[in-house]
């Protein structure tokens, strides 16, 4: 058998490996000693937070479940209260006065869409106006009702025997 492959841990190499590891340990110990002798520089971290100057656009906001929560809240500046359950919001000022508002979706329409909507409204108005005109023409006035009442046959009960005298 031929064992011609590399064997790093042969018995004759152990003392040299031990010496090399001891040298590494000494170097690390020396570096640690140097680091402990040197003063650690103080790291100054300055966080610059923008301090917003309050102006008329800055207003605190809170979520509420009902209007009574707005009435019971104590505010020191004008505060916006958003209702979680519907599309309303309230602004309460320092005096306690509450103004109510409601969100509404706004459709942004171009000129063509506005013209189409205007024409649809005109058509709807004409149809409603025509229906009203037809109703007023077909409504009976006092004279027609008398004639209609006269022309209507009198209902008789067929089941009852008629008596002849």
Foldseek 3Di string as FASTA:
>chain_A
DDDPDDDCPDPVCVVVVVVVVVVVVVVVVVVVVVVVVDDDDDDDDDDDDDDDDDDPVDAAEEEDQDPVVLQPDADCAWYKYAHPPFQKIWIAGNVSDIDIDGDDDDDDDDPVVVVVVVVVVVVVVVVVVVVVVVCVVPDDDDVVVVVVVVPDDDDDDPPDDDDDD
